[in-house]
Protein backbone atom coordinates (compact mmCIF):
# COMPACT_ATOMS: atom_id res chain seq x y z
CA MET A 1 -3.14 11.22 -112.22
CA HIS A 2 -4.75 7.97 -111.10
CA GLU A 3 -3.96 6.35 -114.44
CA LEU A 4 -0.31 7.32 -114.08
CA LEU A 5 -0.17 5.77 -110.59
CA ASN A 6 -1.88 2.62 -111.87
CA PHE A 7 0.68 2.40 -114.67
CA ALA A 8 3.57 2.89 -112.22
CA GLU A 9 2.17 0.15 -109.99
CA PHE A 10 1.87 -2.17 -113.00
CA ILE A 11 5.46 -1.48 -114.10
CA ILE A 12 6.90 -2.06 -110.61
CA ASP A 13 4.88 -5.26 -110.20
CA ALA A 14 6.00 -6.49 -113.64
CA LEU A 15 9.66 -5.75 -112.86
CA LEU A 16 9.43 -7.62 -109.55
CA SER A 17 7.84 -10.57 -111.38
CA LEU A 18 10.66 -10.46 -113.93
CA VAL A 19 13.25 -10.56 -111.14
CA LYS A 20 11.46 -13.60 -109.67
CA PHE A 21 11.60 -15.30 -113.08
CA ILE A 22 15.31 -14.50 -113.41
CA ILE A 23 15.96 -15.95 -109.93
CA ILE A 24 14.21 -19.19 -110.95
CA ALA A 25 16.21 -19.37 -114.18
CA TYR A 26 19.44 -18.69 -112.26
CA ALA A 27 18.72 -21.44 -109.72
CA ILE A 28 17.77 -24.01 -112.37
CA LEU A 29 20.83 -23.24 -114.50
CA SER A 30 23.14 -23.43 -111.49
CA TRP A 31 21.71 -26.85 -110.62
CA LEU A 32 22.12 -28.04 -114.21
CA ILE A 33 25.74 -26.91 -114.17
CA ALA A 34 26.40 -28.41 -110.73
CA PHE A 35 25.04 -31.81 -111.77
CA ASP A 36 27.00 -31.61 -115.05
CA ILE A 37 23.89 -31.78 -117.22
CA VAL A 38 24.98 -28.69 -119.12
CA ASN A 39 28.55 -27.56 -119.51
CA LEU A 40 30.03 -24.08 -119.37
CA ARG A 41 32.24 -24.93 -122.35
CA ASN A 42 29.12 -24.47 -124.46
CA GLN A 43 29.32 -20.83 -125.52
CA PHE A 44 25.56 -20.20 -125.25
CA VAL A 45 25.33 -21.73 -121.77
CA TYR A 46 28.37 -19.74 -120.69
CA ARG A 47 26.88 -16.45 -121.90
CA VAL A 48 23.48 -17.10 -120.31
CA SER A 49 25.16 -18.14 -117.08
CA ARG A 50 27.31 -15.00 -117.00
CA ALA A 51 24.31 -12.77 -117.77
CA LEU A 52 22.15 -14.33 -115.05
CA ASP A 53 25.06 -14.23 -112.61
CA GLY A 54 25.63 -10.55 -113.36
CA ILE A 55 21.99 -9.74 -112.68
CA VAL A 56 21.35 -11.93 -109.63
CA ARG A 57 24.66 -11.81 -107.68
CA PRO A 58 24.46 -8.09 -106.75
CA ILE A 59 20.92 -8.60 -105.48
CA LEU A 60 21.83 -11.74 -103.51
CA ARG A 61 25.06 -10.41 -101.99
CA PRO A 62 23.43 -8.52 -99.06
CA ILE A 63 21.37 -11.58 -98.15
CA GLN A 64 24.43 -13.84 -98.38
CA ARG A 65 26.27 -11.58 -95.93
CA ILE A 66 23.49 -12.03 -93.37
CA LEU A 67 22.87 -15.77 -93.78
CA PRO A 68 25.40 -18.10 -92.21
CA ALA A 69 27.26 -20.63 -94.35
CA MET A 70 25.19 -23.80 -94.69
CA GLY A 71 27.71 -26.34 -95.93
CA GLY A 72 27.59 -25.47 -99.61
CA LEU A 73 23.84 -24.79 -99.77
CA ASP A 74 22.79 -21.30 -100.77
CA PHE A 75 19.36 -20.33 -99.47
CA SER A 76 19.66 -16.68 -100.47
CA PRO A 77 17.63 -17.08 -103.72
CA ILE A 78 14.78 -18.61 -101.71
CA ILE A 79 14.88 -15.76 -99.19
CA LEU A 80 14.94 -13.16 -101.99
CA PHE A 81 12.04 -14.91 -103.74
CA ILE A 82 9.99 -14.80 -100.51
CA VAL A 83 10.84 -11.13 -99.90
CA ILE A 84 9.85 -10.12 -103.43
CA GLY A 85 6.59 -12.07 -103.12
CA GLY A 86 5.85 -10.33 -99.83
CA VAL A 87 6.53 -6.91 -101.32
CA GLN A 88 4.23 -7.70 -104.25
CA ASN A 89 1.42 -9.11 -102.13
CA TYR A 90 1.50 -6.96 -99.01
CA LEU A 91 3.30 -3.66 -99.67
CA LEU A 92 2.86 -2.64 -103.29
CA HIS A 93 -0.94 -2.26 -103.44
CA PRO A 94 -1.31 -0.54 -100.02
CA PHE A 95 1.47 1.89 -100.93
CA PHE A 96 -0.19 2.85 -104.20
CA SER A 97 -3.60 3.06 -102.49
CA TRP A 98 -2.02 5.55 -100.10
CA LEU A 99 -0.60 7.52 -103.04
CA HIS A 100 -4.03 7.55 -104.69
CA GLY A 101 -5.43 8.99 -101.48
CA LEU A 102 -2.80 11.73 -101.51
CA VAL A 103 -3.51 12.86 -105.06
CA GLY A 104 -7.25 13.05 -104.88
CA GLY A 105 -9.43 10.95 -102.70
CA GLY A 106 -10.64 7.48 -103.59
CA VAL A 107 -8.78 4.73 -105.33
CA ALA A 108 -9.45 4.51 -109.05
CA LEU A 109 -8.74 0.91 -110.03
């Protein structure tokens, strides 16, 4: 059972890391588009932009509702990045340590 919990912790941590990577890619691409370095008329750039937007926008929307408008600057990706890092560093391991304790005593790492 401990191996299954270790695997679940690994998968959740990897997915959170993937979301962080997608947020970075989304921010960089939006800056490149805003500064007209890449153009949405390029079919590949358009498709990548739409895919990243479809993944990141639903996650950012609740944060954007809470944050006030900052004159065109969007700090919601930074806030989300910090929250995901906090979950990875301070909540994920203690939660799975607690689960290990529930299923049979000590932590098998």
